[in-house]
Structure formats: C-alpha cells, structure tokens
C-alpha cells in the first residue's frame, strides 16, 4: 500500500518518469532485490568489488559522476565517498531520491553530494513526440516501421545529461547501458498500441522489434560516445553483455536462448573498444553471471540470467 502511494505521488510530480516506465522499472527492481536476495547478492557484491579495485587507479579528492545510481544496491557508496570530495548521482527514477537521502544520513563523510533526476539520454521525449506525431498523420503499419528505422540518426546529436554539469575526474556507469534500449522499446510499444491496438502489435512483435534495432543501437553508441567525450581521467563501465533465458523442454532438458543486450556492440572486443575510446586505454576487469530471475521464482516456465562485464578506461593524456 505504501509503495502504491509513493508511486502515485511520483507519477503526479514526475509524469515523464511514469510515461517512460522509469517508475515501474524501479519498483520492479526493488521487489526483486527483496524477494531474490540470495540470487542477487553475488552480482551486487561483485559490482562493488570492481569499484573498490577501480579506486586504486583513481586520483583522490576529485569529482565523480555515478550514472544509473538507482537505489544504490550495487554502488559502493562508503568506499566512493572516502575517495572523492564531490559525488553526483544520476538516475531517471525520482523514487531513488528517498534512498539517496537516507544513504547520505548514514554515511560519515565530508563528501558533497548532488542529485540529478532526468532521462540521461535527453532524446527519449523527442523520440516519443516524433513517433506520436508521425503515427497520427500516417497510421499505416509499414510506414510506421520505416519511421522507426529512420529514428537512428536523430539519436546521435544531443549530449547526454551528465555532460551538462561540467567535467568529472571519474565516471561510474553502472548497469545502465543495456537498459537504455529497454526504455525506448517500452515507449515505442505504447505509441504503436495507441494507434494499432494491443493485439495487432503483439502479433507483429518481431517486425517492430526488428525495426527498432537501429535506434536502440544508437542509444548505446550515444552513451559510449559521451563517456569517451567526457574528459574524465578514469571511467568504470559495468554493463550487461547478454541475456540468457532458460527453460526445460518436454524431455526435461535445459534449453538456453541468448539475446545480445548491446545490439552488436562488443565491449569485450579490444579493437572495437579502441575505436570507441581512442583517447583511453581499456582493461576488461571481470565477467560474471547475474541470476536475475531463477526458474520458478518469478515466472514458472522461464528463468533469466544476465552476463555482466566491468571495464576500466584510463585516459592516455
């Protein structure tokens, strides 16, 4: 009941966050973290361990930006605030503010904290508006698919939200990169359903998801581009690489289906990283599995794991 009231309050105060699915996503993470702690804890601890290791190469007393801070479940706040004098937290879900303020009270630190609640891409509202306007003028399915494919180019022009707040000495992008296309997919589906109906959109899911690939990949490239442009001296990127759905077939054997979380962007490919981050040296620190939804615990028929990687980028200059 309390969560429902908070959701309603946040929806009224932050209507964009509600429209874009930020509020629902945040609550879902909160519930799963509580229900599946034994499965989530290894991932959360590994994420924090990577941050502690990364700090050894970071200059102390600088400015840090944490992108995708969320409810701080996977953020090593105590270690970070001992190392940096100024920490800016970024997330799209306004419900995170309650967790941030509570964490500040519990920390014994002289670090100064800044809160930023907004769509970090700065393009989702523009995309939604463009898609809605087009569909009202041209409510024809194949034209809608072509328009979705054309949106890729427009995602590369704006700067990400964190670049609008000055330069940071270090940046932590944590479990955010693969989520950017997820939010865009949610928005696109809502607009398609508004015009064509839920049954039509569901029956043609493969078609519109395929049309969405270029603009989804553009969001990933935008985030990586802006990390590379940030002028930070050190960057830690923690991200899903792929999703694994598993279930048991009629013979009782395990069947695994893998989905590329980054739409062809290979973070473990050193030559590709050199092209994306030409001014940085990169180091793949660790890879691990996040058992996000065990078989039978969330959905009876399907379980889900994420393959996660952490990468350190160190400026050459």
C-alpha atoms as a PDB file:
ATOM      1  CA  UNK A   1       0.000   0.000   0.000  1.00  0.00           C
ATOM      2  CA  UNK A   2       2.798   2.395   0.916  1.00  0.00           C
ATOM      3  CA  UNK A   3       4.639   1.704  -2.364  1.00  0.00           C
ATOM      4  CA  UNK A   4       1.405   2.323  -4.284  1.00  0.00           C
ATOM      5  CA  UNK A   5       1.001   5.722  -2.627  1.00  0.00           C
ATOM      6  CA  UNK A   6       4.618   6.621  -3.355  1.00  0.00           C
ATOM      7  CA  UNK A   7       4.161   5.530  -6.967  1.00  0.00           C
ATOM      8  CA  UNK A   8       1.054   7.692  -7.320  1.00  0.00           C
ATOM      9  CA  UNK A   9       2.791  10.674  -5.756  1.00  0.00           C
ATOM     10  CA  UNK A  10       5.846  10.285  -8.008  1.00  0.00           C
ATOM     11  CA  UNK A  11       3.603   9.856 -11.073  1.00  0.00           C
ATOM     12  CA  UNK A  12       1.880  13.172 -10.363  1.00  0.00           C
ATOM     13  CA  UNK A  13       5.111  15.018  -9.684  1.00  0.00           C
ATOM     14  CA  UNK A  14       7.158  13.381 -12.463  1.00  0.00           C
ATOM     15  CA  UNK A  15       4.714  12.471 -15.281  1.00  0.00           C
ATOM     16  CA  UNK A  16       7.525  11.871 -17.773  1.00  0.00           C
ATOM     17  CA  UNK A  17       9.114   9.262 -15.500  1.00  0.00           C
ATOM     18  CA  UNK A  18       5.763   7.481 -15.306  1.00  0.00           C
ATOM     19  CA  UNK A  19       5.203   7.611 -19.101  1.00  0.00           C
ATOM     20  CA  UNK A  20       8.641   6.290 -19.896  1.00  0.00           C
ATOM     21  CA  UNK A  21       8.433   3.356 -17.487  1.00  0.00           C
ATOM     22  CA  UNK A  22      11.123   4.607 -15.084  1.00  0.00           C
ATOM     23  CA  UNK A  23       8.849   4.320 -12.043  1.00  0.00           C
ATOM     24  CA  UNK A  24       7.561   0.820 -12.813  1.00  0.00           C
ATOM     25  CA  UNK A  25      11.075  -0.405 -13.596  1.00  0.00           C
ATOM     26  CA  UNK A  26      12.440   0.982 -10.339  1.00  0.00           C
ATOM     27  CA  UNK A  27       9.721  -0.671  -8.269  1.00  0.00           C
ATOM     28  CA  UNK A  28      10.273  -3.977 -10.058  1.00  0.00           C
ATOM     29  CA  UNK A  29      13.990  -3.846  -9.196  1.00  0.00           C
ATOM     30  CA  UNK A  30      13.138  -3.073  -5.583  1.00  0.00           C
ATOM     31  CA  UNK A  31      10.741  -6.016  -5.318  1.00  0.00           C
ATOM     32  CA  UNK A  32      13.101  -8.494  -6.976  1.00  0.00           C
ATOM     33  CA  UNK A  33      16.019  -7.362  -4.828  1.00  0.00           C
ATOM     34  CA  UNK A  34      13.931  -8.065  -1.738  1.00  0.00           C
ATOM     35  CA  UNK A  35      12.487 -11.390  -2.895  1.00  0.00           C
ATOM     36  CA  UNK A  36      15.595 -12.823  -4.580  1.00  0.00           C
ATOM     37  CA  UNK A  37      18.365 -11.533  -2.319  1.00  0.00           C
ATOM     38  CA  UNK A  38      20.300 -14.814  -2.307  1.00  0.00           C
ATOM     39  CA  UNK A  39      20.481 -14.742  -6.115  1.00  0.00           C
ATOM     40  CA  UNK A  40      21.128 -11.012  -6.480  1.00  0.00           C
ATOM     41  CA  UNK A  41      23.708 -10.571  -3.712  1.00  0.00           C
ATOM     42  CA  UNK A  42      26.641 -12.173  -5.607  1.00  0.00           C
ATOM     43  CA  UNK A  43      26.091  -9.773  -8.509  1.00  0.00           C
ATOM     44  CA  UNK A  44      25.764  -6.739  -6.247  1.00  0.00           C
ATOM     45  CA  UNK A  45      28.899  -7.659  -4.308  1.00  0.00           C
ATOM     46  CA  UNK A  46      30.878  -8.298  -7.498  1.00  0.00           C
ATOM     47  CA  UNK A  47      29.841  -4.873  -8.799  1.00  0.00           C
ATOM     48  CA  UNK A  48      31.058  -3.245  -5.581  1.00  0.00           C
ATOM     49  CA  UNK A  49      34.293  -5.239  -5.629  1.00  0.00           C
ATOM     50  CA  UNK A  50      35.030  -3.933  -9.129  1.00  0.00           C
ATOM     51  CA  UNK A  51      34.501  -0.385  -7.893  1.00  0.00           C
ATOM     52  CA  UNK A  52      36.892  -0.874  -4.979  1.00  0.00           C
ATOM     53  CA  UNK A  53      39.529  -2.245  -7.329  1.00  0.00           C
ATOM     54  CA  UNK A  54      38.971   0.645  -9.744  1.00  0.00           C
ATOM     55  CA  UNK A  55      39.522   3.220  -6.991  1.00  0.00           C
ATOM     56  CA  UNK A  56      43.148   2.169  -6.757  1.00  0.00           C
ATOM     57  CA  UNK A  57      43.743   3.816 -10.132  1.00  0.00           C
ATOM     58  CA  UNK A  58      41.622   6.939  -9.491  1.00  0.00           C
ATOM     59  CA  UNK A  59      43.072  10.224  -8.321  1.00  0.00           C
ATOM     60  CA  UNK A  60      41.657  11.084  -4.848  1.00  0.00           C
ATOM     61  CA  UNK A  61      39.608  14.161  -3.922  1.00  0.00           C
ATOM     62  CA  UNK A  62      38.129  14.658  -7.375  1.00  0.00           C
ATOM     63  CA  UNK A  63      34.623  14.880  -8.827  1.00  0.00           C
ATOM     64  CA  UNK A  64      32.732  11.643  -9.509  1.00  0.00           C
ATOM     65  CA  UNK A  65      29.571  11.058 -11.567  1.00  0.00           C
ATOM     66  CA  UNK A  66      27.566   7.881 -10.921  1.00  0.00           C
ATOM     67  CA  UNK A  67      25.318   7.146 -13.902  1.00  0.00           C
ATOM     68  CA  UNK A  68      22.416   4.810 -13.205  1.00  0.00           C
ATOM     69  CA  UNK A  69      22.802   5.114  -9.437  1.00  0.00           C
ATOM     70  CA  UNK A  70      19.340   3.697  -8.821  1.00  0.00           C
ATOM     71  CA  UNK A  71      18.633   2.665  -5.248  1.00  0.00           C
ATOM     72  CA  UNK A  72      22.382   2.254  -4.632  1.00  0.00           C
ATOM     73  CA  UNK A  73      22.047  -1.524  -4.250  1.00  0.00           C
ATOM     74  CA  UNK A  74      25.150  -2.058  -6.425  1.00  0.00           C
ATOM     75  CA  UNK A  75      27.075   1.129  -5.544  1.00  0.00           C
ATOM     76  CA  UNK A  76      29.983   1.020  -3.066  1.00  0.00           C
ATOM     77  CA  UNK A  77      28.999   4.346  -1.543  1.00  0.00           C
ATOM     78  CA  UNK A  78      31.179   4.111   1.579  1.00  0.00           C
ATOM     79  CA  UNK A  79      34.318   3.499  -0.487  1.00  0.00           C
ATOM     80  CA  UNK A  80      33.458   6.115  -3.099  1.00  0.00           C
ATOM     81  CA  UNK A  81      32.761   8.902  -0.606  1.00  0.00           C
ATOM     82  CA  UNK A  82      36.077   8.241   1.126  1.00  0.00           C
ATOM     83  CA  UNK A  83      37.904   8.667  -2.172  1.00  0.00           C
ATOM     84  CA  UNK A  84      36.056  11.556  -3.868  1.00  0.00           C
ATOM     85  CA  UNK A  85      35.255  15.002  -2.491  1.00  0.00           C
ATOM     86  CA  UNK A  86      32.219  15.548  -4.742  1.00  0.00           C
ATOM     87  CA  UNK A  87      29.787  12.896  -5.978  1.00  0.00           C
ATOM     88  CA  UNK A  88      26.911  13.476  -8.404  1.00  0.00           C
ATOM     89  CA  UNK A  89      24.240  10.792  -8.640  1.00  0.00           C
ATOM     90  CA  UNK A  90      22.213  10.447 -11.849  1.00  0.00           C
ATOM     91  CA  UNK A  91      19.074   8.412 -12.405  1.00  0.00           C
ATOM     92  CA  UNK A  92      15.759   8.715 -14.227  1.00  0.00           C
ATOM     93  CA  UNK A  93      13.623   7.342 -11.387  1.00  0.00           C
ATOM     94  CA  UNK A  94      12.650  10.053  -8.847  1.00  0.00           C
ATOM     95  CA  UNK A  95      11.833   7.365  -6.284  1.00  0.00           C
ATOM     96  CA  UNK A  96      15.609   6.971  -5.882  1.00  0.00           C
ATOM     97  CA  UNK A  97      15.823  10.282  -4.059  1.00  0.00           C
ATOM     98  CA  UNK A  98      14.474   8.735  -0.867  1.00  0.00           C
ATOM     99  CA  UNK A  99      17.232   6.110  -0.919  1.00  0.00           C
ATOM    100  CA  UNK A 100      19.938   8.676  -1.674  1.00  0.00           C
ATOM    101  CA  UNK A 101      18.942  10.986   1.170  1.00  0.00           C
ATOM    102  CA  UNK A 102      18.800   8.089   3.599  1.00  0.00           C
ATOM    103  CA  UNK A 103      22.255   6.950   2.499  1.00  0.00           C
ATOM    104  CA  UNK A 104      23.698  10.440   2.991  1.00  0.00           C
ATOM    105  CA  UNK A 105      22.493  10.446   6.598  1.00  0.00           C
ATOM    106  CA  UNK A 106      24.125   7.089   7.294  1.00  0.00           C
ATOM    107  CA  UNK A 107      27.494   7.986   5.754  1.00  0.00           C
ATOM    108  CA  UNK A 108      30.187   9.611   7.840  1.00  0.00           C
ATOM    109  CA  UNK A 109      31.780  11.599   5.105  1.00  0.00           C
ATOM    110  CA  UNK A 110      32.784  15.125   4.151  1.00  0.00           C
ATOM    111  CA  UNK A 111      31.965  14.435   0.501  1.00  0.00           C
ATOM    112  CA  UNK A 112      29.450  16.768  -1.118  1.00  0.00           C
ATOM    113  CA  UNK A 113      26.575  15.061  -2.956  1.00  0.00           C
ATOM    114  CA  UNK A 114      24.442  16.331  -5.843  1.00  0.00           C
ATOM    115  CA  UNK A 115      21.222  14.732  -7.090  1.00  0.00           C
ATOM    116  CA  UNK A 116      20.167  14.651 -10.756  1.00  0.00           C
ATOM    117  CA  UNK A 117      16.829  13.133 -11.798  1.00  0.00           C
ATOM    118  CA  UNK A 118      16.209  13.070 -15.542  1.00  0.00           C
ATOM    119  CA  UNK A 119      16.415  10.981 -18.697  1.00  0.00           C
ATOM    120  CA  UNK A 120      20.161  10.683 -19.113  1.00  0.00           C
ATOM    121  CA  UNK A 121      19.903  10.309 -22.902  1.00  0.00           C
ATOM    122  CA  UNK A 122      17.986  13.588 -23.401  1.00  0.00           C
ATOM    123  CA  UNK A 123      16.367  12.044 -26.503  1.00  0.00           C
ATOM    124  CA  UNK A 124      13.516   9.816 -25.336  1.00  0.00           C
ATOM    125  CA  UNK A 125      10.942  12.604 -25.071  1.00  0.00           C
ATOM    126  CA  UNK A 126      11.918  13.878 -28.512  1.00  0.00           C
ATOM    127  CA  UNK A 127      11.589  10.393 -29.963  1.00  0.00           C
ATOM    128  CA  UNK A 128       8.209   9.807 -28.360  1.00  0.00           C
ATOM    129  CA  UNK A 129       6.896  13.111 -29.673  1.00  0.00           C
ATOM    130  CA  UNK A 130       8.208  12.439 -33.182  1.00  0.00           C
ATOM    131  CA  UNK A 131       6.758   8.945 -33.283  1.00  0.00           C
ATOM    132  CA  UNK A 132       3.372  10.059 -31.920  1.00  0.00           C
ATOM    133  CA  UNK A 133       3.119  12.909 -34.432  1.00  0.00           C
ATOM    134  CA  UNK A 134       4.040  10.643 -37.334  1.00  0.00           C
ATOM    135  CA  UNK A 135       1.558   7.930 -36.368  1.00  0.00           C
ATOM    136  CA  UNK A 136      -1.273  10.452 -36.155  1.00  0.00           C
ATOM    137  CA  UNK A 137      -0.523  11.634 -39.686  1.00  0.00           C
ATOM    138  CA  UNK A 138       0.332   8.259 -41.244  1.00  0.00           C
ATOM    139  CA  UNK A 139      -1.433   5.443 -39.386  1.00  0.00           C
ATOM    140  CA  UNK A 140      -0.187   2.699 -41.690  1.00  0.00           C
ATOM    141  CA  UNK A 141       1.843  -0.213 -40.291  1.00  0.00           C
ATOM    142  CA  UNK A 142       4.654  -0.459 -42.872  1.00  0.00           C
ATOM    143  CA  UNK A 143       5.167   3.293 -42.829  1.00  0.00           C
ATOM    144  CA  UNK A 144       5.392   3.148 -39.040  1.00  0.00           C
ATOM    145  CA  UNK A 145       8.132   0.523 -39.290  1.00  0.00           C
ATOM    146  CA  UNK A 146      10.084   2.633 -41.756  1.00  0.00           C
ATOM    147  CA  UNK A 147       9.800   5.638 -39.484  1.00  0.00           C
ATOM    148  CA  UNK A 148      11.116   3.621 -36.528  1.00  0.00           C
ATOM    149  CA  UNK A 149      14.146   2.629 -38.604  1.00  0.00           C
ATOM    150  CA  UNK A 150      14.754   6.273 -39.550  1.00  0.00           C
ATOM    151  CA  UNK A 151      14.984   7.457 -35.946  1.00  0.00           C
ATOM    152  CA  UNK A 152      18.527   6.137 -35.501  1.00  0.00           C
ATOM    153  CA  UNK A 153      20.205   9.216 -36.975  1.00  0.00           C
ATOM    154  CA  UNK A 154      18.444  11.646 -34.641  1.00  0.00           C
ATOM    155  CA  UNK A 155      19.796   9.911 -31.513  1.00  0.00           C
ATOM    156  CA  UNK A 156      23.392  10.937 -32.135  1.00  0.00           C
ATOM    157  CA  UNK A 157      23.044  14.738 -31.885  1.00  0.00           C
ATOM    158  CA  UNK A 158      22.139  15.642 -28.264  1.00  0.00           C
ATOM    159  CA  UNK A 159      24.610  15.358 -25.431  1.00  0.00           C
ATOM    160  CA  UNK A 160      23.821  13.084 -22.517  1.00  0.00           C
ATOM    161  CA  UNK A 161      22.563  14.704 -19.319  1.00  0.00           C
ATOM    162  CA  UNK A 162      25.780  14.210 -17.353  1.00  0.00           C
ATOM    163  CA  UNK A 163      27.797  16.284 -19.836  1.00  0.00           C
ATOM    164  CA  UNK A 164      25.680  19.324 -18.995  1.00  0.00           C
ATOM    165  CA  UNK A 165      27.079  19.591 -15.468  1.00  0.00           C
ATOM    166  CA  UNK A 166      30.737  20.291 -16.096  1.00  0.00           C
ATOM    167  CA  UNK A 167      33.700  17.940 -16.167  1.00  0.00           C
ATOM    168  CA  UNK A 168      34.221  14.987 -13.859  1.00  0.00           C
ATOM    169  CA  UNK A 169      37.512  13.403 -12.882  1.00  0.00           C
ATOM    170  CA  UNK A 170      35.927   9.966 -12.811  1.00  0.00           C
ATOM    171  CA  UNK A 171      32.693   8.389 -14.067  1.00  0.00           C
ATOM    172  CA  UNK A 172      30.956   5.212 -12.970  1.00  0.00           C
ATOM    173  CA  UNK A 173      28.318   3.940 -15.405  1.00  0.00           C
ATOM    174  CA  UNK A 174      26.657   1.083 -13.588  1.00  0.00           C
ATOM    175  CA  UNK A 175      24.205  -1.417 -15.048  1.00  0.00           C
ATOM    176  CA  UNK A 176      22.732   1.343 -17.205  1.00  0.00           C
ATOM    177  CA  UNK A 177      23.971   0.894 -20.763  1.00  0.00           C
ATOM    178  CA  UNK A 178      21.807  -2.088 -21.706  1.00  0.00           C
ATOM    179  CA  UNK A 179      18.729  -0.519 -20.091  1.00  0.00           C
ATOM    180  CA  UNK A 180      18.610   2.483 -22.426  1.00  0.00           C
ATOM    181  CA  UNK A 181      17.118   0.487 -25.350  1.00  0.00           C
ATOM    182  CA  UNK A 182      14.695  -1.207 -22.950  1.00  0.00           C
ATOM    183  CA  UNK A 183      13.100   2.117 -22.050  1.00  0.00           C
ATOM    184  CA  UNK A 184      12.912   3.135 -25.706  1.00  0.00           C
ATOM    185  CA  UNK A 185      11.264  -0.195 -26.553  1.00  0.00           C
ATOM    186  CA  UNK A 186       8.662   0.436 -23.836  1.00  0.00           C
ATOM    187  CA  UNK A 187       7.886   3.893 -25.229  1.00  0.00           C
ATOM    188  CA  UNK A 188       7.646   2.699 -28.830  1.00  0.00           C
ATOM    189  CA  UNK A 189       5.313  -0.145 -27.894  1.00  0.00           C
ATOM    190  CA  UNK A 190       2.943   2.220 -26.065  1.00  0.00           C
ATOM    191  CA  UNK A 191       2.725   4.522 -29.095  1.00  0.00           C
ATOM    192  CA  UNK A 192       2.174   1.634 -31.519  1.00  0.00           C
ATOM    193  CA  UNK A 193      -0.545   0.143 -29.322  1.00  0.00           C
ATOM    194  CA  UNK A 194      -2.230   3.543 -29.117  1.00  0.00           C
ATOM    195  CA  UNK A 195      -2.781   3.512 -32.897  1.00  0.00           C
ATOM    196  CA  UNK A 196      -2.863  -0.149 -33.946  1.00  0.00           C
ATOM    197  CA  UNK A 197      -4.163  -1.879 -30.842  1.00  0.00           C
ATOM    198  CA  UNK A 198      -2.568  -4.363 -28.447  1.00  0.00           C
ATOM    199  CA  UNK A 199      -3.475  -7.491 -30.428  1.00  0.00           C
ATOM    200  CA  UNK A 200      -2.044  -6.161 -33.703  1.00  0.00           C
ATOM    201  CA  UNK A 201       1.221  -5.038 -32.089  1.00  0.00           C
ATOM    202  CA  UNK A 202       1.642  -8.308 -30.178  1.00  0.00           C
ATOM    203  CA  UNK A 203       1.050 -10.404 -33.309  1.00  0.00           C
ATOM    204  CA  UNK A 204       3.715  -8.441 -35.197  1.00  0.00           C
ATOM    205  CA  UNK A 205       6.233  -8.135 -32.375  1.00  0.00           C
ATOM    206  CA  UNK A 206       9.141  -9.493 -34.418  1.00  0.00           C
ATOM    207  CA  UNK A 207       8.535  -6.880 -37.112  1.00  0.00           C
ATOM    208  CA  UNK A 208       8.554  -3.785 -34.912  1.00  0.00           C
ATOM    209  CA  UNK A 209      11.382  -5.054 -32.719  1.00  0.00           C
ATOM    210  CA  UNK A 210      13.489  -5.548 -35.849  1.00  0.00           C
ATOM    211  CA  UNK A 211      12.631  -2.016 -36.985  1.00  0.00           C
ATOM    212  CA  UNK A 212      13.712  -0.741 -33.572  1.00  0.00           C
ATOM    213  CA  UNK A 213      17.241  -2.183 -33.773  1.00  0.00           C
ATOM    214  CA  UNK A 214      18.994   0.818 -35.424  1.00  0.00           C
ATOM    215  CA  UNK A 215      17.609   3.358 -32.946  1.00  0.00           C
ATOM    216  CA  UNK A 216      18.250   1.028 -30.000  1.00  0.00           C
ATOM    217  CA  UNK A 217      21.882   0.612 -31.053  1.00  0.00           C
ATOM    218  CA  UNK A 218      22.135   4.388 -31.479  1.00  0.00           C
ATOM    219  CA  UNK A 219      21.266   4.890 -27.800  1.00  0.00           C
ATOM    220  CA  UNK A 220      24.072   2.555 -26.785  1.00  0.00           C
ATOM    221  CA  UNK A 221      26.534   4.283 -29.086  1.00  0.00           C
ATOM    222  CA  UNK A 222      25.437   7.689 -27.771  1.00  0.00           C
ATOM    223  CA  UNK A 223      26.204   6.697 -24.192  1.00  0.00           C
ATOM    224  CA  UNK A 224      29.607   5.268 -25.108  1.00  0.00           C
ATOM    225  CA  UNK A 225      30.377   8.281 -27.286  1.00  0.00           C
ATOM    226  CA  UNK A 226      29.636  10.691 -24.457  1.00  0.00           C
ATOM    227  CA  UNK A 227      31.673   8.688 -21.958  1.00  0.00           C
ATOM    228  CA  UNK A 228      34.586   8.965 -24.389  1.00  0.00           C
ATOM    229  CA  UNK A 229      33.964  12.727 -24.808  1.00  0.00           C
ATOM    230  CA  UNK A 230      33.613  13.380 -21.091  1.00  0.00           C
ATOM    231  CA  UNK A 231      37.273  14.327 -20.470  1.00  0.00           C
ATOM    232  CA  UNK A 232      37.202  12.140 -17.368  1.00  0.00           C
ATOM    233  CA  UNK A 233      40.560  10.684 -16.419  1.00  0.00           C
ATOM    234  CA  UNK A 234      39.084   7.334 -15.423  1.00  0.00           C
ATOM    235  CA  UNK A 235      35.842   5.533 -16.265  1.00  0.00           C
ATOM    236  CA  UNK A 236      34.391   2.309 -14.907  1.00  0.00           C
ATOM    237  CA  UNK A 237      31.694   0.780 -17.090  1.00  0.00           C
ATOM    238  CA  UNK A 238      29.630  -2.096 -15.690  1.00  0.00           C
ATOM    239  CA  UNK A 239      27.067  -3.463 -18.107  1.00  0.00           C
ATOM    240  CA  UNK A 240      25.075  -6.467 -19.218  1.00  0.00           C
ATOM    241  CA  UNK A 241      26.533  -8.154 -22.283  1.00  0.00           C
ATOM    242  CA  UNK A 242      23.749 -10.609 -22.997  1.00  0.00           C
ATOM    243  CA  UNK A 243      20.554 -12.017 -21.574  1.00  0.00           C
ATOM    244  CA  UNK A 244      20.014 -15.750 -21.162  1.00  0.00           C
ATOM    245  CA  UNK A 245      16.503 -17.180 -20.893  1.00  0.00           C
ATOM    246  CA  UNK A 246      16.341 -20.813 -19.913  1.00  0.00           C
ATOM    247  CA  UNK A 247      13.563 -23.334 -19.536  1.00  0.00           C
ATOM    248  CA  UNK A 248      13.045 -27.089 -19.552  1.00  0.00           C
ATOM    249  CA  UNK A 249      11.785 -28.868 -22.640  1.00  0.00           C
ATOM    250  CA  UNK A 250       9.337 -31.759 -22.683  1.00  0.00           C
ATOM    251  CA  UNK A 251      12.170 -34.223 -22.091  1.00  0.00           C
ATOM    252  CA  UNK A 252      13.287 -32.332 -19.003  1.00  0.00           C
ATOM    253  CA  UNK A 253      16.453 -30.918 -20.568  1.00  0.00           C
ATOM    254  CA  UNK A 254      17.564 -27.289 -20.187  1.00  0.00           C
ATOM    255  CA  UNK A 255      17.124 -25.022 -23.206  1.00  0.00           C
ATOM    256  CA  UNK A 256      19.003 -21.702 -23.263  1.00  0.00           C
ATOM    257  CA  UNK A 257      18.168 -18.753 -25.510  1.00  0.00           C
ATOM    258  CA  UNK A 258      20.707 -15.927 -25.676  1.00  0.00           C
ATOM    259  CA  UNK A 259      19.909 -12.302 -26.547  1.00  0.00           C
ATOM    260  CA  UNK A 260      22.565  -9.684 -27.299  1.00  0.00           C
ATOM    261  CA  UNK A 261      21.912  -6.923 -24.749  1.00  0.00           C
ATOM    262  CA  UNK A 262      24.022  -4.375 -26.654  1.00  0.00           C
ATOM    263  CA  UNK A 263      22.780  -4.866 -30.216  1.00  0.00           C
ATOM    264  CA  UNK A 264      26.116  -5.849 -31.711  1.00  0.00           C
ATOM    265  CA  UNK A 265      28.373  -3.554 -29.669  1.00  0.00           C
ATOM    266  CA  UNK A 266      31.078  -5.851 -28.288  1.00  0.00           C
ATOM    267  CA  UNK A 267      32.548  -4.489 -25.077  1.00  0.00           C
ATOM    268  CA  UNK A 268      34.889  -7.466 -24.775  1.00  0.00           C
ATOM    269  CA  UNK A 269      36.394  -6.794 -28.218  1.00  0.00           C
ATOM    270  CA  UNK A 270      39.584  -4.811 -27.630  1.00  0.00           C
ATOM    271  CA  UNK A 271      39.856  -3.436 -31.183  1.00  0.00           C
ATOM    272  CA  UNK A 272      36.249  -2.211 -31.077  1.00  0.00           C
ATOM    273  CA  UNK A 273      36.888  -0.513 -27.732  1.00  0.00           C
ATOM    274  CA  UNK A 274      39.916   1.261 -29.201  1.00  0.00           C
ATOM    275  CA  UNK A 275      37.674   2.716 -31.919  1.00  0.00           C
ATOM    276  CA  UNK A 276      35.018   3.763 -29.421  1.00  0.00           C
ATOM    277  CA  UNK A 277      37.527   5.166 -26.883  1.00  0.00           C
ATOM    278  CA  UNK A 278      40.582   6.271 -28.906  1.00  0.00           C
ATOM    279  CA  UNK A 279      41.901   8.519 -26.101  1.00  0.00           C
ATOM    280  CA  UNK A 280      41.713   5.776 -23.460  1.00  0.00           C
ATOM    281  CA  UNK A 281      43.437   2.548 -22.575  1.00  0.00           C
ATOM    282  CA  UNK A 282      40.892  -0.139 -21.718  1.00  0.00           C
ATOM    283  CA  UNK A 283      41.085  -3.110 -19.392  1.00  0.00           C
ATOM    284  CA  UNK A 284      38.488  -5.855 -19.047  1.00  0.00           C
ATOM    285  CA  UNK A 285      38.383  -6.478 -15.311  1.00  0.00           C
ATOM    286  CA  UNK A 286      35.818  -9.192 -14.747  1.00  0.00           C
ATOM    287  CA  UNK A 287      32.829 -11.068 -16.131  1.00  0.00           C
ATOM    288  CA  UNK A 288      30.142 -12.840 -14.135  1.00  0.00           C
ATOM    289  CA  UNK A 289      26.563 -14.111 -14.227  1.00  0.00           C
ATOM    290  CA  UNK A 290      23.702 -12.288 -12.563  1.00  0.00           C
ATOM    291  CA  UNK A 291      20.929 -14.767 -11.808  1.00  0.00           C
ATOM    292  CA  UNK A 292      18.213 -12.181 -12.054  1.00  0.00           C
ATOM    293  CA  UNK A 293      15.148 -14.467 -12.099  1.00  0.00           C
ATOM    294  CA  UNK A 294      15.558 -18.149 -11.193  1.00  0.00           C
ATOM    295  CA  UNK A 295      13.286 -20.664 -12.861  1.00  0.00           C
ATOM    296  CA  UNK A 296      10.007 -20.907 -10.965  1.00  0.00           C
ATOM    297  CA  UNK A 297      10.606 -17.889  -8.700  1.00  0.00           C
ATOM    298  CA  UNK A 298       9.293 -15.102 -10.953  1.00  0.00           C
ATOM    299  CA  UNK A 299       7.812 -16.993 -13.890  1.00  0.00           C
ATOM    300  CA  UNK A 300       7.095 -20.702 -13.595  1.00  0.00           C
ATOM    301  CA  UNK A 301       8.269 -21.629 -17.069  1.00  0.00           C
ATOM    302  CA  UNK A 302      11.299 -19.360 -17.698  1.00  0.00           C
ATOM    303  CA  UNK A 303      14.414 -18.357 -15.771  1.00  0.00           C
ATOM    304  CA  UNK A 304      16.742 -15.476 -16.635  1.00  0.00           C
ATOM    305  CA  UNK A 305      20.452 -14.754 -16.237  1.00  0.00           C
ATOM    306  CA  UNK A 306      22.477 -11.755 -17.356  1.00  0.00           C
ATOM    307  CA  UNK A 307      26.114 -11.919 -18.375  1.00  0.00           C
ATOM    308  CA  UNK A 308      27.832  -8.848 -16.921  1.00  0.00           C
ATOM    309  CA  UNK A 309      31.241  -7.285 -17.538  1.00  0.00           C
ATOM    310  CA  UNK A 310      33.241  -4.480 -15.966  1.00  0.00           C
ATOM    311  CA  UNK A 311      35.735  -2.416 -17.957  1.00  0.00           C
ATOM    312  CA  UNK A 312      38.130   0.313 -16.832  1.00  0.00           C
ATOM    313  CA  UNK A 313      39.042   3.125 -19.227  1.00  0.00           C
ATOM    314  CA  UNK A 314      42.109   5.209 -18.326  1.00  0.00           C
ATOM    315  CA  UNK A 315      42.861   8.428 -20.194  1.00  0.00           C
ATOM    316  CA  UNK A 316      46.115   8.341 -22.165  1.00  0.00           C
ATOM    317  CA  UNK A 317      46.803  12.047 -21.655  1.00  0.00           C
END
